[in-house]
Amino acid sequence: MQVKPLGDRILVKLIEEHERTQGGIYIPDTAKDKPQTGEVVAVGDGEEVKVKVGQKVLFAKFAGTEVKLGSEDHLLLSMDDVLAVVED
């Protein structure tokens, strides 16, 4: 299934980060915060869209609408919720 965001919205694939403490203990998924970084999968055709497919973005903690495509979690975000582009 393909999703094409409308207007100034983007579709982001969430990037899960494996977290562990300094002592080497892994933190279970139920105790973790929701990830705040993702990779742009699709972009809308609005004039306010300033990111490209493949870029990594940092977004607000409780932003967007969660969407499950296949077995992967995605987030549908407005450009207002995008805080920064992450550059390697």
N, C-alpha and C. Protein backbone atom coordinates (compact mmCIF):
# COMPACT_ATOMS: atom_id res chain seq x y z
N MET A 1 0.84 -1.17 0.00
CA MET A 1 0.00 0.00 0.00
C MET A 1 0.90 1.24 0.00
N GLN A 2 0.56 2.20 -0.86
CA GLN A 2 1.29 3.45 -0.89
C GLN A 2 0.42 4.55 -0.32
N VAL A 3 1.06 5.46 0.42
CA VAL A 3 0.36 6.59 1.02
C VAL A 3 0.99 7.87 0.49
N LYS A 4 0.18 8.76 -0.04
CA LYS A 4 0.65 10.06 -0.53
C LYS A 4 0.07 11.14 0.36
N PRO A 5 0.88 11.77 1.22
CA PRO A 5 0.39 12.83 2.09
C PRO A 5 -0.14 14.01 1.28
N LEU A 6 -1.11 14.70 1.84
CA LEU A 6 -1.69 15.87 1.18
C LEU A 6 -1.15 17.15 1.80
N GLY A 7 -1.08 18.20 0.99
CA GLY A 7 -0.69 19.51 1.48
C GLY A 7 0.72 19.55 2.06
N ASP A 8 0.83 20.11 3.26
CA ASP A 8 2.14 20.28 3.90
C ASP A 8 2.45 19.15 4.89
N ARG A 9 1.96 17.96 4.61
CA ARG A 9 2.20 16.82 5.50
C ARG A 9 3.28 15.91 4.93
N ILE A 10 3.93 15.17 5.84
CA ILE A 10 4.94 14.20 5.44
C ILE A 10 4.68 12.89 6.16
N LEU A 11 5.12 11.78 5.56
CA LEU A 11 5.03 10.46 6.18
C LEU A 11 6.43 10.08 6.62
N VAL A 12 6.56 9.73 7.90
CA VAL A 12 7.87 9.44 8.50
C VAL A 12 7.87 8.03 9.05
N LYS A 13 8.93 7.26 8.73
CA LYS A 13 9.13 5.94 9.31
C LYS A 13 9.90 6.14 10.61
N LEU A 14 9.35 5.66 11.71
CA LEU A 14 9.97 5.86 13.01
C LEU A 14 11.28 5.08 13.11
N ILE A 15 12.27 5.71 13.71
CA ILE A 15 13.56 5.07 13.94
C ILE A 15 13.62 4.65 15.40
N GLU A 16 13.61 3.35 15.60
CA GLU A 16 13.69 2.81 16.95
C GLU A 16 15.15 2.74 17.38
N GLU A 17 15.43 3.27 18.53
CA GLU A 17 16.79 3.23 19.06
C GLU A 17 16.83 2.26 20.23
N HIS A 18 17.78 1.33 20.17
CA HIS A 18 17.93 0.39 21.27
C HIS A 18 18.64 1.10 22.42
N GLU A 19 17.94 1.18 23.53
CA GLU A 19 18.50 1.90 24.66
C GLU A 19 18.95 0.93 25.74
N ARG A 20 20.04 1.26 26.37
CA ARG A 20 20.49 0.49 27.52
C ARG A 20 21.20 1.44 28.47
N THR A 21 21.23 1.05 29.71
CA THR A 21 21.84 1.87 30.73
C THR A 21 23.36 1.73 30.67
N GLN A 22 24.06 2.54 31.46
CA GLN A 22 25.51 2.45 31.50
C GLN A 22 25.98 1.10 32.02
N GLY A 23 25.17 0.45 32.83
CA GLY A 23 25.51 -0.86 33.36
C GLY A 23 25.24 -1.99 32.39
N GLY A 24 24.66 -1.69 31.21
CA GLY A 24 24.44 -2.70 30.20
C GLY A 24 23.04 -3.31 30.20
N ILE A 25 22.14 -2.76 31.01
CA ILE A 25 20.78 -3.29 31.08
C ILE A 25 19.95 -2.64 29.98
N TYR A 26 19.27 -3.48 29.17
CA TYR A 26 18.41 -2.96 28.12
C TYR A 26 17.08 -2.52 28.70
N ILE A 27 16.58 -1.38 28.22
CA ILE A 27 15.31 -0.84 28.69
C ILE A 27 14.20 -1.43 27.84
N PRO A 28 13.17 -2.05 28.44
CA PRO A 28 12.09 -2.65 27.65
C PRO A 28 11.26 -1.59 26.93
N ASP A 29 10.58 -2.01 25.85
CA ASP A 29 9.78 -1.09 25.04
C ASP A 29 8.71 -0.39 25.85
N THR A 30 8.15 -1.05 26.84
CA THR A 30 7.07 -0.45 27.63
C THR A 30 7.55 0.69 28.50
N ALA A 31 8.83 0.74 28.79
CA ALA A 31 9.37 1.80 29.65
C ALA A 31 9.98 2.95 28.85
N LYS A 32 10.10 2.77 27.54
CA LYS A 32 10.73 3.79 26.71
C LYS A 32 9.74 4.88 26.32
N ASP A 33 10.30 6.04 26.04
CA ASP A 33 9.51 7.12 25.45
C ASP A 33 9.34 6.85 23.96
N LYS A 34 8.33 7.46 23.39
CA LYS A 34 8.09 7.36 21.97
C LYS A 34 9.26 7.99 21.21
N PRO A 35 9.75 7.35 20.14
CA PRO A 35 10.88 7.93 19.41
C PRO A 35 10.52 9.28 18.80
N GLN A 36 11.51 10.15 18.71
CA GLN A 36 11.27 11.49 18.18
C GLN A 36 12.07 11.76 16.92
N THR A 37 12.64 10.71 16.33
CA THR A 37 13.33 10.86 15.06
C THR A 37 12.76 9.86 14.07
N GLY A 38 12.83 10.22 12.81
CA GLY A 38 12.32 9.34 11.78
C GLY A 38 12.89 9.69 10.43
N GLU A 39 12.69 8.78 9.48
CA GLU A 39 13.14 8.99 8.11
C GLU A 39 11.94 9.31 7.24
N VAL A 40 12.04 10.36 6.45
CA VAL A 40 10.95 10.79 5.58
C VAL A 40 10.76 9.76 4.47
N VAL A 41 9.53 9.24 4.36
CA VAL A 41 9.20 8.22 3.37
C VAL A 41 8.43 8.83 2.19
N ALA A 42 7.56 9.81 2.48
CA ALA A 42 6.77 10.46 1.44
C ALA A 42 6.47 11.88 1.86
N VAL A 43 6.33 12.76 0.89
CA VAL A 43 6.03 14.16 1.18
C VAL A 43 4.82 14.62 0.37
N GLY A 44 4.09 15.57 0.94
CA GLY A 44 2.96 16.15 0.25
C GLY A 44 3.43 17.17 -0.78
N ASP A 45 2.48 17.74 -1.51
CA ASP A 45 2.84 18.69 -2.56
C ASP A 45 2.63 20.14 -2.14
N GLY A 46 2.53 20.39 -0.84
CA GLY A 46 2.34 21.76 -0.35
C GLY A 46 3.58 22.61 -0.50
N GLU A 47 3.39 23.92 -0.52
CA GLU A 47 4.51 24.84 -0.68
C GLU A 47 5.38 24.92 0.56
N GLU A 48 4.86 24.55 1.71
CA GLU A 48 5.59 24.64 2.97
C GLU A 48 6.51 23.45 3.24
N VAL A 49 6.46 22.41 2.41
CA VAL A 49 7.28 21.22 2.63
C VAL A 49 8.73 21.53 2.28
N LYS A 50 9.60 21.41 3.29
CA LYS A 50 11.01 21.78 3.11
C LYS A 50 11.95 20.59 3.34
N VAL A 51 11.41 19.39 3.32
CA VAL A 51 12.23 18.19 3.50
C VAL A 51 12.07 17.30 2.28
N LYS A 52 13.02 16.37 2.12
CA LYS A 52 12.99 15.45 0.98
C LYS A 52 12.93 14.02 1.49
N VAL A 53 12.46 13.14 0.64
CA VAL A 53 12.42 11.72 0.96
C VAL A 53 13.84 11.25 1.26
N GLY A 54 13.98 10.49 2.34
CA GLY A 54 15.29 9.96 2.73
C GLY A 54 15.97 10.75 3.84
N GLN A 55 15.54 11.99 4.09
CA GLN A 55 16.14 12.78 5.16
C GLN A 55 15.63 12.31 6.51
N LYS A 56 16.48 12.48 7.54
CA LYS A 56 16.07 12.18 8.91
C LYS A 56 15.62 13.48 9.56
N VAL A 57 14.51 13.41 10.30
CA VAL A 57 13.96 14.60 10.93
C VAL A 57 13.72 14.35 12.42
N LEU A 58 13.74 15.42 13.16
CA LEU A 58 13.43 15.44 14.58
C LEU A 58 12.09 16.15 14.71
N PHE A 59 11.14 15.54 15.44
CA PHE A 59 9.81 16.12 15.53
C PHE A 59 9.35 16.20 16.97
N ALA A 60 8.29 16.97 17.20
CA ALA A 60 7.74 17.17 18.54
C ALA A 60 7.29 15.83 19.14
N LYS A 61 7.36 15.72 20.45
CA LYS A 61 7.14 14.46 21.15
C LYS A 61 5.77 13.84 20.91
N PHE A 62 4.71 14.58 21.00
CA PHE A 62 3.37 14.02 20.84
C PHE A 62 2.72 14.48 19.55
N ALA A 63 3.52 14.65 18.51
CA ALA A 63 3.02 15.18 17.24
C ALA A 63 2.53 14.07 16.33
N GLY A 64 1.69 14.44 15.39
CA GLY A 64 1.31 13.56 14.30
C GLY A 64 0.29 12.49 14.63
N THR A 65 -0.01 11.71 13.61
CA THR A 65 -0.96 10.61 13.70
C THR A 65 -0.23 9.32 13.39
N GLU A 66 -0.32 8.34 14.29
CA GLU A 66 0.35 7.06 14.08
C GLU A 66 -0.37 6.25 13.01
N VAL A 67 0.41 5.67 12.11
CA VAL A 67 -0.11 4.85 11.02
C VAL A 67 0.72 3.59 10.94
N LYS A 68 0.08 2.43 10.82
CA LYS A 68 0.81 1.17 10.69
C LYS A 68 0.67 0.71 9.24
N LEU A 69 1.79 0.64 8.53
CA LEU A 69 1.81 0.18 7.15
C LEU A 69 2.59 -1.11 7.10
N GLY A 70 1.90 -2.20 6.84
CA GLY A 70 2.54 -3.51 6.90
C GLY A 70 2.86 -3.81 8.36
N SER A 71 4.12 -4.07 8.64
CA SER A 71 4.53 -4.36 10.01
C SER A 71 5.30 -3.19 10.64
N GLU A 72 5.42 -2.08 9.91
CA GLU A 72 6.21 -0.96 10.39
C GLU A 72 5.33 0.20 10.85
N ASP A 73 5.78 0.88 11.90
CA ASP A 73 5.08 2.04 12.42
C ASP A 73 5.56 3.29 11.69
N HIS A 74 4.59 4.12 11.29
CA HIS A 74 4.88 5.38 10.63
C HIS A 74 4.12 6.49 11.35
N LEU A 75 4.47 7.70 11.03
CA LEU A 75 3.81 8.86 11.61
C LEU A 75 3.51 9.85 10.48
N LEU A 76 2.28 10.34 10.45
CA LEU A 76 1.88 11.35 9.50
C LEU A 76 1.96 12.69 10.21
N LEU A 77 2.87 13.55 9.75
CA LEU A 77 3.17 14.81 10.44
C LEU A 77 2.87 16.01 9.56
N SER A 78 2.51 17.10 10.20
CA SER A 78 2.43 18.40 9.54
C SER A 78 3.82 19.01 9.61
N MET A 79 4.17 19.84 8.66
CA MET A 79 5.49 20.49 8.69
C MET A 79 5.66 21.35 9.94
N ASP A 80 4.57 21.80 10.55
CA ASP A 80 4.66 22.58 11.78
C ASP A 80 5.22 21.76 12.94
N ASP A 81 5.09 20.43 12.87
CA ASP A 81 5.56 19.55 13.94
C ASP A 81 7.03 19.16 13.78
N VAL A 82 7.60 19.41 12.62
CA VAL A 82 9.01 19.07 12.36
C VAL A 82 9.87 20.17 12.97
N LEU A 83 10.79 19.76 13.84
CA LEU A 83 11.65 20.72 14.54
C LEU A 83 12.98 20.94 13.84
N ALA A 84 13.53 19.87 13.24
CA ALA A 84 14.86 20.00 12.62
C ALA A 84 15.12 18.84 11.68
N VAL A 85 16.07 19.04 10.77
CA VAL A 85 16.58 17.98 9.92
C VAL A 85 17.87 17.51 10.54
N VAL A 86 18.03 16.19 10.69
CA VAL A 86 19.24 15.62 11.29
C VAL A 86 20.22 15.32 10.18
N GLU A 87 21.41 15.93 10.26
CA GLU A 87 22.44 15.72 9.26
C GLU A 87 23.53 14.85 9.85
N ASP A 88 24.00 13.89 9.06
CA ASP A 88 25.08 12.99 9.52
C ASP A 88 26.42 13.63 9.40
